[in-house]
Amino acid sequence: MTNLSVSEVYAIGAPIVLAMIFVEILISNWQQKNYYKTQDTLCTIGLLAGNIIVAFSIKGLILALHFYLYQYKIFELSGMLPLWLFWILTFVVIDLVFYIYHRMSHRIRFLWAIHLSHHSSEEMNFAVSFRQAWFGPISKIPFFMVLPLLGFDPTIIAAAGVISTLWWIVGHTQIIGKLGVLEWIFNTPSHHRVHHGSNEQYIDKNYGNLLIIWDRMFGTFEPEKEKVKFGLVNNVNTFNPTKITFMAWSSMIEDISNKRSLSEILRIIFGPPNTHKKIKVRTS
């Protein structure tokens, strides 16, 4: 159904992303803003490496699962819609599923234990978009498996997902201001800066990836007003990717060990994380 493969999207996108980072570094140096810090960037590389290893380890399994589920699709979308409209609908539905997944990753503690890695940087630059959790590819599986069941072609899901990721990268920057009327529809850099803020009014806001309409519809939208303080309410205070990856897990396991009833344990695992509260975080 598509002439655009995932490898072709990567081939087109990779030079663009590298050029974006290069330009951002030049602007950062010219403005003397120091958006890139060596230790932070190395930490991002370490987290990305683990994410890539896990992603490639399960890539074939996920694709096979999607093709298997596609056999039992509820709707014959490919026969109902012209190709161009099918692509647009794929982008929109992927973005809605991402919104749900992303929101749950902030509101369910065991998912936040995974997603915390992405928010662990106190910087905001294009490279931070690559600060991905090691187990993120696994946590997404239950959410995105609904797409082939609804009738979305797995090959288009894969390609559209990569293209959406390019916009995800664009959102992680301080060099782009507000974008006029686009602010009403798209998740612009301004909106995503809010999402990475630890300011009280910015916590758990602006979950969209490509579009901001879901946040506006479901009451999680917050515009960028005061200067954003990037990072967590309780910053990790380490650049060690392994410590960051397992920090929230160890805290959750410690809390579980102090509980005796199943209901209390389930509340810890599936309840909300304490993202609003200042607590002492151990890094050793």
C-alpha atoms as a PDB file:
ATOM      1  CA  MET A   1       0.000   0.000   0.000  1.00  0.00           C
ATOM      2  CA  THR A   2       2.929   2.343   0.308  1.00  0.00           C
ATOM      3  CA  ASN A   3       5.961   3.186  -1.798  1.00  0.00           C
ATOM      4  CA  LEU A   4       7.741   4.705   1.212  1.00  0.00           C
ATOM      5  CA  SER A   5       9.691   2.264   3.360  1.00  0.00           C
ATOM      6  CA  VAL A   6      10.944   2.788   6.903  1.00  0.00           C
ATOM      7  CA  SER A   7      14.560   2.631   5.703  1.00  0.00           C
ATOM      8  CA  GLU A   8      13.859   5.370   3.159  1.00  0.00           C
ATOM      9  CA  VAL A   9      12.317   7.565   5.867  1.00  0.00           C
ATOM     10  CA  TYR A  10      15.432   7.068   8.009  1.00  0.00           C
ATOM     11  CA  ALA A  11      17.686   7.823   5.022  1.00  0.00           C
ATOM     12  CA  ILE A  12      15.855  11.097   4.398  1.00  0.00           C
ATOM     13  CA  GLY A  13      15.432  12.035   8.047  1.00  0.00           C
ATOM     14  CA  ALA A  14      18.892  11.279   9.474  1.00  0.00           C
ATOM     15  CA  PRO A  15      20.788  14.027   7.571  1.00  0.00           C
ATOM     16  CA  ILE A  16      18.024  16.513   8.428  1.00  0.00           C
ATOM     17  CA  VAL A  17      18.241  15.698  12.135  1.00  0.00           C
ATOM     18  CA  LEU A  18      22.039  15.945  12.165  1.00  0.00           C
ATOM     19  CA  ALA A  19      21.836  19.296  10.396  1.00  0.00           C
ATOM     20  CA  MET A  20      19.273  20.514  12.950  1.00  0.00           C
ATOM     21  CA  ILE A  21      21.547  19.587  15.844  1.00  0.00           C
ATOM     22  CA  PHE A  22      24.551  21.216  14.150  1.00  0.00           C
ATOM     23  CA  VAL A  23      22.635  24.467  13.564  1.00  0.00           C
ATOM     24  CA  GLU A  24      21.301  24.435  17.125  1.00  0.00           C
ATOM     25  CA  ILE A  25      24.831  24.063  18.505  1.00  0.00           C
ATOM     26  CA  LEU A  26      26.013  26.979  16.331  1.00  0.00           C
ATOM     27  CA  ILE A  27      23.138  29.161  17.525  1.00  0.00           C
ATOM     28  CA  SER A  28      23.743  28.063  21.107  1.00  0.00           C
ATOM     29  CA  ASN A  29      27.396  29.111  20.902  1.00  0.00           C
ATOM     30  CA  TRP A  30      26.574  32.359  19.081  1.00  0.00           C
ATOM     31  CA  GLN A  31      23.987  33.332  21.709  1.00  0.00           C
ATOM     32  CA  GLN A  32      26.254  32.034  24.509  1.00  0.00           C
ATOM     33  CA  LYS A  33      23.343  29.995  25.866  1.00  0.00           C
ATOM     34  CA  ASN A  34      25.208  26.688  26.266  1.00  0.00           C
ATOM     35  CA  TYR A  35      22.193  24.520  25.383  1.00  0.00           C
ATOM     36  CA  TYR A  36      24.453  21.461  25.112  1.00  0.00           C
ATOM     37  CA  LYS A  37      26.447  20.160  28.074  1.00  0.00           C
ATOM     38  CA  THR A  38      28.906  17.321  27.582  1.00  0.00           C
ATOM     39  CA  GLN A  39      27.893  15.081  30.503  1.00  0.00           C
ATOM     40  CA  ASP A  40      24.210  15.474  29.766  1.00  0.00           C
ATOM     41  CA  THR A  41      24.671  14.654  26.089  1.00  0.00           C
ATOM     42  CA  LEU A  42      26.800  11.588  26.899  1.00  0.00           C
ATOM     43  CA  CYS A  43      24.075  10.427  29.269  1.00  0.00           C
ATOM     44  CA  THR A  44      21.543  10.826  26.464  1.00  0.00           C
ATOM     45  CA  ILE A  45      23.735   8.697  24.192  1.00  0.00           C
ATOM     46  CA  GLY A  46      23.890   5.982  26.863  1.00  0.00           C
ATOM     47  CA  LEU A  47      20.114   5.930  27.281  1.00  0.00           C
ATOM     48  CA  LEU A  48      19.585   5.950  23.517  1.00  0.00           C
ATOM     49  CA  ALA A  49      21.999   3.018  23.064  1.00  0.00           C
ATOM     50  CA  GLY A  50      20.007   0.874  25.481  1.00  0.00           C
ATOM     51  CA  ASN A  51      16.747   1.893  23.832  1.00  0.00           C
ATOM     52  CA  ILE A  52      18.078   0.953  20.381  1.00  0.00           C
ATOM     53  CA  ILE A  53      19.286  -2.454  21.605  1.00  0.00           C
ATOM     54  CA  VAL A  54      15.871  -3.273  23.073  1.00  0.00           C
ATOM     55  CA  ALA A  55      14.001  -1.849  20.063  1.00  0.00           C
ATOM     56  CA  PHE A  56      15.986  -3.865  17.538  1.00  0.00           C
ATOM     57  CA  SER A  57      15.711  -6.987  19.698  1.00  0.00           C
ATOM     58  CA  ILE A  58      11.916  -6.916  19.556  1.00  0.00           C
ATOM     59  CA  LYS A  59      11.401  -5.164  16.195  1.00  0.00           C
ATOM     60  CA  GLY A  60      10.737  -8.378  14.292  1.00  0.00           C
ATOM     61  CA  LEU A  61       8.400  -9.666  16.995  1.00  0.00           C
ATOM     62  CA  ILE A  62       6.341  -6.448  16.995  1.00  0.00           C
ATOM     63  CA  LEU A  63       6.070  -6.421  13.199  1.00  0.00           C
ATOM     64  CA  ALA A  64       5.029 -10.078  13.198  1.00  0.00           C
ATOM     65  CA  LEU A  65       2.450  -9.364  15.910  1.00  0.00           C
ATOM     66  CA  HIS A  66       1.035  -6.454  13.910  1.00  0.00           C
ATOM     67  CA  PHE A  67       0.757  -8.532  10.725  1.00  0.00           C
ATOM     68  CA  TYR A  68      -0.907 -11.348  12.699  1.00  0.00           C
ATOM     69  CA  LEU A  69      -3.444  -8.961  14.261  1.00  0.00           C
ATOM     70  CA  TYR A  70      -4.006  -7.332  10.863  1.00  0.00           C
ATOM     71  CA  GLN A  71      -5.569 -10.585   9.692  1.00  0.00           C
ATOM     72  CA  TYR A  72      -8.373  -9.986  12.197  1.00  0.00           C
ATOM     73  CA  LYS A  73      -8.888  -6.295  11.408  1.00  0.00           C
ATOM     74  CA  ILE A  74     -12.286  -4.845  12.244  1.00  0.00           C
ATOM     75  CA  PHE A  75     -12.425  -2.396   9.332  1.00  0.00           C
ATOM     76  CA  GLU A  76     -11.243  -2.719   5.714  1.00  0.00           C
ATOM     77  CA  LEU A  77      -9.810   0.781   5.702  1.00  0.00           C
ATOM     78  CA  SER A  78      -7.557   0.172   2.715  1.00  0.00           C
ATOM     79  CA  GLY A  79     -10.600  -0.490   0.541  1.00  0.00           C
ATOM     80  CA  MET A  80     -12.701   2.294   2.027  1.00  0.00           C
ATOM     81  CA  LEU A  81     -10.317   5.231   1.651  1.00  0.00           C
ATOM     82  CA  PRO A  82      -7.993   6.666  -1.012  1.00  0.00           C
ATOM     83  CA  LEU A  83      -4.322   6.213  -0.148  1.00  0.00           C
ATOM     84  CA  TRP A  84      -3.688   9.881   0.712  1.00  0.00           C
ATOM     85  CA  LEU A  85      -6.604   9.961   3.145  1.00  0.00           C
ATOM     86  CA  PHE A  86      -5.540   6.622   4.615  1.00  0.00           C
ATOM     87  CA  TRP A  87      -2.101   8.120   5.377  1.00  0.00           C
ATOM     88  CA  ILE A  88      -3.626  11.189   7.041  1.00  0.00           C
ATOM     89  CA  LEU A  89      -5.950   9.044   9.136  1.00  0.00           C
ATOM     90  CA  THR A  90      -2.998   6.860  10.131  1.00  0.00           C
ATOM     91  CA  PHE A  91      -1.067   9.903  11.384  1.00  0.00           C
ATOM     92  CA  VAL A  92      -4.084  11.175  13.334  1.00  0.00           C
ATOM     93  CA  VAL A  93      -4.912   7.839  14.994  1.00  0.00           C
ATOM     94  CA  ILE A  94      -1.247   7.107  15.803  1.00  0.00           C
ATOM     95  CA  ASP A  95      -1.107  10.508  17.475  1.00  0.00           C
ATOM     96  CA  LEU A  96      -4.255   9.800  19.506  1.00  0.00           C
ATOM     97  CA  VAL A  97      -2.864   6.440  20.648  1.00  0.00           C
ATOM     98  CA  PHE A  98       0.419   8.142  21.514  1.00  0.00           C
ATOM     99  CA  TYR A  99      -1.462  10.745  23.558  1.00  0.00           C
ATOM    100  CA  ILE A 100      -3.156   7.973  25.568  1.00  0.00           C
ATOM    101  CA  TYR A 101       0.112   6.070  26.006  1.00  0.00           C
ATOM    102  CA  HIS A 102       2.028   9.213  26.949  1.00  0.00           C
ATOM    103  CA  ARG A 103      -0.603  10.353  29.441  1.00  0.00           C
ATOM    104  CA  MET A 104      -0.706   6.916  31.066  1.00  0.00           C
ATOM    105  CA  SER A 105       3.103   6.974  31.237  1.00  0.00           C
ATOM    106  CA  HIS A 106       2.836  10.025  33.478  1.00  0.00           C
ATOM    107  CA  ARG A 107      -0.108   8.831  35.559  1.00  0.00           C
ATOM    108  CA  ILE A 108       0.662   5.133  36.177  1.00  0.00           C
ATOM    109  CA  ARG A 109       3.663   4.583  38.392  1.00  0.00           C
ATOM    110  CA  PHE A 110       5.254   1.560  36.729  1.00  0.00           C
ATOM    111  CA  LEU A 111       4.990   3.250  33.329  1.00  0.00           C
ATOM    112  CA  TRP A 112       6.430   6.456  34.792  1.00  0.00           C
ATOM    113  CA  ALA A 113       9.320   4.382  36.144  1.00  0.00           C
ATOM    114  CA  ILE A 114      10.154   3.704  32.496  1.00  0.00           C
ATOM    115  CA  HIS A 115       9.343   7.122  31.033  1.00  0.00           C
ATOM    116  CA  LEU A 116      11.183   9.096  33.731  1.00  0.00           C
ATOM    117  CA  SER A 117      14.430   8.601  31.798  1.00  0.00           C
ATOM    118  CA  HIS A 118      13.212  10.915  29.032  1.00  0.00           C
ATOM    119  CA  HIS A 119      12.470  13.707  31.505  1.00  0.00           C
ATOM    120  CA  SER A 120      15.675  13.296  33.493  1.00  0.00           C
ATOM    121  CA  SER A 121      17.593  15.979  31.583  1.00  0.00           C
ATOM    122  CA  GLU A 122      17.643  19.518  32.940  1.00  0.00           C
ATOM    123  CA  GLU A 123      18.459  20.752  29.437  1.00  0.00           C
ATOM    124  CA  MET A 124      16.239  21.218  26.377  1.00  0.00           C
ATOM    125  CA  ASN A 125      17.730  20.659  22.943  1.00  0.00           C
ATOM    126  CA  PHE A 126      17.203  18.469  19.887  1.00  0.00           C
ATOM    127  CA  ALA A 127      19.459  15.780  21.372  1.00  0.00           C
ATOM    128  CA  VAL A 128      17.165  15.417  24.407  1.00  0.00           C
ATOM    129  CA  SER A 129      14.540  13.932  22.072  1.00  0.00           C
ATOM    130  CA  PHE A 130      16.856  10.913  21.795  1.00  0.00           C
ATOM    131  CA  ARG A 131      16.982  10.456  25.586  1.00  0.00           C
ATOM    132  CA  GLN A 132      14.726   7.430  25.368  1.00  0.00           C
ATOM    133  CA  ALA A 133      13.964   4.853  28.051  1.00  0.00           C
ATOM    134  CA  TRP A 134      15.570   1.445  27.687  1.00  0.00           C
ATOM    135  CA  PHE A 135      12.249  -0.358  28.121  1.00  0.00           C
ATOM    136  CA  GLY A 136      10.129   2.201  26.276  1.00  0.00           C
ATOM    137  CA  PRO A 137       9.713  -0.001  23.158  1.00  0.00           C
ATOM    138  CA  ILE A 138       8.224  -2.750  25.339  1.00  0.00           C
ATOM    139  CA  SER A 139       5.838  -0.463  27.231  1.00  0.00           C
ATOM    140  CA  LYS A 140       4.330   0.791  23.953  1.00  0.00           C
ATOM    141  CA  ILE A 141       3.313  -2.639  22.646  1.00  0.00           C
ATOM    142  CA  PRO A 142      -0.118  -2.993  24.356  1.00  0.00           C
ATOM    143  CA  PHE A 143      -1.163   0.490  23.242  1.00  0.00           C
ATOM    144  CA  PHE A 144      -0.156   0.391  19.583  1.00  0.00           C
ATOM    145  CA  MET A 145      -1.302  -3.162  18.880  1.00  0.00           C
ATOM    146  CA  VAL A 146      -4.823  -1.748  18.530  1.00  0.00           C
ATOM    147  CA  LEU A 147      -3.860  -0.071  15.234  1.00  0.00           C
ATOM    148  CA  PRO A 148      -3.674  -3.202  13.024  1.00  0.00           C
ATOM    149  CA  LEU A 149      -6.867  -4.478  14.664  1.00  0.00           C
ATOM    150  CA  LEU A 150      -8.614  -1.290  13.525  1.00  0.00           C
ATOM    151  CA  GLY A 151      -7.426  -1.942   9.965  1.00  0.00           C
ATOM    152  CA  PHE A 152      -4.242   0.114   9.651  1.00  0.00           C
ATOM    153  CA  ASP A 153      -1.606  -1.487   7.442  1.00  0.00           C
ATOM    154  CA  PRO A 154       1.475  -2.443   9.554  1.00  0.00           C
ATOM    155  CA  THR A 155       3.887  -1.143   6.897  1.00  0.00           C
ATOM    156  CA  ILE A 156       2.219   2.278   6.901  1.00  0.00           C
ATOM    157  CA  ILE A 157       2.057   2.257  10.719  1.00  0.00           C
ATOM    158  CA  ALA A 158       5.839   1.747  10.823  1.00  0.00           C
ATOM    159  CA  ALA A 159       6.630   4.430   8.238  1.00  0.00           C
ATOM    160  CA  ALA A 160       4.170   6.972   9.669  1.00  0.00           C
ATOM    161  CA  GLY A 161       5.537   6.340  13.149  1.00  0.00           C
ATOM    162  CA  VAL A 162       9.061   7.215  12.029  1.00  0.00           C
ATOM    163  CA  ILE A 163       7.863  10.369  10.247  1.00  0.00           C
ATOM    164  CA  SER A 164       5.982  11.446  13.389  1.00  0.00           C
ATOM    165  CA  THR A 165       9.204  10.966  15.327  1.00  0.00           C
ATOM    166  CA  LEU A 166      10.871  13.648  13.181  1.00  0.00           C
ATOM    167  CA  TRP A 167       8.332  16.178  14.453  1.00  0.00           C
ATOM    168  CA  TRP A 168       8.909  14.849  17.980  1.00  0.00           C
ATOM    169  CA  ILE A 169      12.566  15.832  17.575  1.00  0.00           C
ATOM    170  CA  VAL A 170      11.641  19.343  16.394  1.00  0.00           C
ATOM    171  CA  GLY A 171       9.702  19.892  19.621  1.00  0.00           C
ATOM    172  CA  HIS A 172      12.806  19.612  21.787  1.00  0.00           C
ATOM    173  CA  THR A 173      14.432  23.000  21.382  1.00  0.00           C
ATOM    174  CA  GLN A 174      14.696  26.487  22.829  1.00  0.00           C
ATOM    175  CA  ILE A 175      15.711  28.232  19.606  1.00  0.00           C
ATOM    176  CA  ILE A 176      12.209  28.178  18.074  1.00  0.00           C
ATOM    177  CA  GLY A 177       9.631  30.531  19.527  1.00  0.00           C
ATOM    178  CA  LYS A 178       5.867  30.454  19.140  1.00  0.00           C
ATOM    179  CA  LEU A 179       4.545  29.646  15.660  1.00  0.00           C
ATOM    180  CA  GLY A 180       1.366  31.680  15.326  1.00  0.00           C
ATOM    181  CA  VAL A 181      -1.746  29.823  14.174  1.00  0.00           C
ATOM    182  CA  LEU A 182       0.152  26.502  14.212  1.00  0.00           C
ATOM    183  CA  GLU A 183       0.048  26.685  18.014  1.00  0.00           C
ATOM    184  CA  TRP A 184      -3.676  25.855  17.873  1.00  0.00           C
ATOM    185  CA  ILE A 185      -3.260  22.561  16.015  1.00  0.00           C
ATOM    186  CA  PHE A 186       0.272  21.223  16.356  1.00  0.00           C
ATOM    187  CA  ASN A 187       2.422  20.309  19.337  1.00  0.00           C
ATOM    188  CA  THR A 188       4.971  23.048  18.720  1.00  0.00           C
ATOM    189  CA  PRO A 189       8.323  23.516  20.499  1.00  0.00           C
ATOM    190  CA  SER A 190       6.623  26.030  22.801  1.00  0.00           C
ATOM    191  CA  HIS A 191       3.994  23.476  23.851  1.00  0.00           C
ATOM    192  CA  HIS A 192       6.553  20.730  24.326  1.00  0.00           C
ATOM    193  CA  ARG A 193       8.819  22.928  26.426  1.00  0.00           C
ATOM    194  CA  VAL A 194       5.876  23.166  28.817  1.00  0.00           C
ATOM    195  CA  HIS A 195       5.665  19.364  28.919  1.00  0.00           C
ATOM    196  CA  HIS A 196       9.289  19.165  30.037  1.00  0.00           C
ATOM    197  CA  GLY A 197       8.857  21.794  32.720  1.00  0.00           C
ATOM    198  CA  SER A 198       8.929  21.152  36.454  1.00  0.00           C
ATOM    199  CA  ASN A 199       7.001  24.367  37.149  1.00  0.00           C
ATOM    200  CA  GLU A 200       3.901  23.482  39.144  1.00  0.00           C
ATOM    201  CA  GLN A 201       1.448  24.585  36.437  1.00  0.00           C
ATOM    202  CA  TYR A 202       3.379  22.738  33.714  1.00  0.00           C
ATOM    203  CA  ILE A 203       3.502  19.276  35.310  1.00  0.00           C
ATOM    204  CA  ASP A 204       1.574  16.583  33.405  1.00  0.00           C
ATOM    205  CA  LYS A 205       0.544  18.867  30.541  1.00  0.00           C
ATOM    206  CA  ASN A 206       0.762  18.783  26.733  1.00  0.00           C
ATOM    207  CA  TYR A 207       1.069  15.047  26.017  1.00  0.00           C
ATOM    208  CA  GLY A 208       0.553  15.185  22.254  1.00  0.00           C
ATOM    209  CA  ASN A 209       3.260  14.299  19.772  1.00  0.00           C
ATOM    210  CA  LEU A 210       2.266  15.715  16.393  1.00  0.00           C
ATOM    211  CA  LEU A 211      -0.993  17.407  17.410  1.00  0.00           C
ATOM    212  CA  ILE A 212      -2.022  19.502  20.417  1.00  0.00           C
ATOM    213  CA  ILE A 213      -5.758  19.058  19.756  1.00  0.00           C
ATOM    214  CA  TRP A 214      -6.015  16.053  22.109  1.00  0.00           C
ATOM    215  CA  ASP A 215      -4.688  18.123  25.004  1.00  0.00           C
ATOM    216  CA  ARG A 216      -7.141  20.893  24.201  1.00  0.00           C
ATOM    217  CA  MET A 217      -9.998  18.370  23.999  1.00  0.00           C
ATOM    218  CA  PHE A 218      -9.157  16.399  27.139  1.00  0.00           C
ATOM    219  CA  GLY A 219      -8.134  19.228  29.464  1.00  0.00           C
ATOM    220  CA  THR A 220      -4.368  18.687  29.626  1.00  0.00           C
ATOM    221  CA  PHE A 221      -3.307  21.759  27.656  1.00  0.00           C
ATOM    222  CA  GLU A 222      -1.189  24.519  29.174  1.00  0.00           C
ATOM    223  CA  PRO A 223       0.358  27.388  27.175  1.00  0.00           C
ATOM    224  CA  GLU A 224       3.929  28.531  27.733  1.00  0.00           C
ATOM    225  CA  LYS A 225       3.827  31.681  29.855  1.00  0.00           C
ATOM    226  CA  GLU A 226       6.495  31.859  32.538  1.00  0.00           C
ATOM    227  CA  LYS A 227      10.043  30.656  31.867  1.00  0.00           C
ATOM    228  CA  VAL A 228      10.257  26.865  31.871  1.00  0.00           C
ATOM    229  CA  LYS A 229      12.416  25.119  34.431  1.00  0.00           C
ATOM    230  CA  PHE A 230      13.428  21.906  32.683  1.00  0.00           C
ATOM    231  CA  GLY A 231      13.777  18.567  34.460  1.00  0.00           C
ATOM    232  CA  LEU A 232      11.934  16.790  37.242  1.00  0.00           C
ATOM    233  CA  VAL A 233      10.488  18.027  40.522  1.00  0.00           C
ATOM    234  CA  ASN A 234      13.048  15.639  42.048  1.00  0.00           C
ATOM    235  CA  ASN A 235      16.003  15.757  39.676  1.00  0.00           C
ATOM    236  CA  VAL A 236      18.055  12.598  39.344  1.00  0.00           C
ATOM    237  CA  ASN A 237      21.383  14.310  40.145  1.00  0.00           C
ATOM    238  CA  THR A 238      23.340  11.779  38.113  1.00  0.00           C
ATOM    239  CA  PHE A 239      24.485  11.290  34.521  1.00  0.00           C
ATOM    240  CA  ASN A 240      24.684   7.505  34.856  1.00  0.00           C
ATOM    241  CA  PRO A 241      22.192   5.932  32.372  1.00  0.00           C
ATOM    242  CA  THR A 242      21.904   2.716  34.394  1.00  0.00           C
ATOM    243  CA  LYS A 243      21.076   4.545  37.622  1.00  0.00           C
ATOM    244  CA  ILE A 244      18.513   6.711  35.836  1.00  0.00           C
ATOM    245  CA  THR A 245      16.905   3.669  34.194  1.00  0.00           C
ATOM    246  CA  PHE A 246      16.384   1.751  37.435  1.00  0.00           C
ATOM    247  CA  MET A 247      16.047   4.615  39.950  1.00  0.00           C
ATOM    248  CA  ALA A 248      12.249   4.786  39.975  1.00  0.00           C
ATOM    249  CA  TRP A 249      11.980   0.989  39.843  1.00  0.00           C
ATOM    250  CA  SER A 250      14.075   0.561  42.984  1.00  0.00           C
ATOM    251  CA  SER A 251      11.971   3.184  44.772  1.00  0.00           C
ATOM    252  CA  MET A 252       8.760   1.432  43.738  1.00  0.00           C
ATOM    253  CA  ILE A 253      10.046  -1.996  44.795  1.00  0.00           C
ATOM    254  CA  GLU A 254      11.072  -0.548  48.161  1.00  0.00           C
ATOM    255  CA  ASP A 255       7.557   0.836  48.654  1.00  0.00           C
ATOM    256  CA  ILE A 256       6.029  -2.520  47.662  1.00  0.00           C
ATOM    257  CA  SER A 257       8.220  -4.380  50.161  1.00  0.00           C
ATOM    258  CA  ASN A 258       6.694  -2.324  52.973  1.00  0.00           C
ATOM    259  CA  LYS A 259       3.129  -3.304  52.032  1.00  0.00           C
ATOM    260  CA  ARG A 260       1.355  -6.519  52.969  1.00  0.00           C
ATOM    261  CA  SER A 261      -2.001  -6.444  51.216  1.00  0.00           C
ATOM    262  CA  LEU A 262      -2.449  -7.055  47.488  1.00  0.00           C
ATOM    263  CA  SER A 263      -4.630  -3.964  47.136  1.00  0.00           C
ATOM    264  CA  GLU A 264      -1.878  -1.744  48.554  1.00  0.00           C
ATOM    265  CA  ILE A 265       0.697  -3.285  46.219  1.00  0.00           C
ATOM    266  CA  LEU A 266      -1.553  -2.783  43.191  1.00  0.00           C
ATOM    267  CA  ARG A 267      -2.147   0.836  44.182  1.00  0.00           C
ATOM    268  CA  ILE A 268       1.603   1.409  44.213  1.00  0.00           C
ATOM    269  CA  ILE A 269       2.134  -0.250  40.823  1.00  0.00           C
ATOM    270  CA  PHE A 270      -0.856   1.198  38.985  1.00  0.00           C
ATOM    271  CA  GLY A 271      -1.442   4.353  41.001  1.00  0.00           C
ATOM    272  CA  PRO A 272      -0.023   7.768  40.129  1.00  0.00           C
ATOM    273  CA  PRO A 273       3.631   8.617  40.813  1.00  0.00           C
ATOM    274  CA  ASN A 274       4.519  11.393  43.244  1.00  0.00           C
ATOM    275  CA  THR A 275       5.594  13.761  40.479  1.00  0.00           C
ATOM    276  CA  HIS A 276       4.327  16.851  42.292  1.00  0.00           C
ATOM    277  CA  LYS A 277       6.013  16.219  45.630  1.00  0.00           C
ATOM    278  CA  LYS A 278       9.519  17.133  46.667  1.00  0.00           C
ATOM    279  CA  ILE A 279      11.135  13.968  47.978  1.00  0.00           C
ATOM    280  CA  LYS A 280      14.676  12.853  48.602  1.00  0.00           C
ATOM    281  CA  VAL A 281      15.933  10.735  45.719  1.00  0.00           C
ATOM    282  CA  ARG A 282      18.822   8.407  46.356  1.00  0.00           C
ATOM    283  CA  THR A 283      21.351   8.125  43.542  1.00  0.00           C
ATOM    284  CA  SER A 284      23.756   5.662  45.080  1.00  0.00           C
END
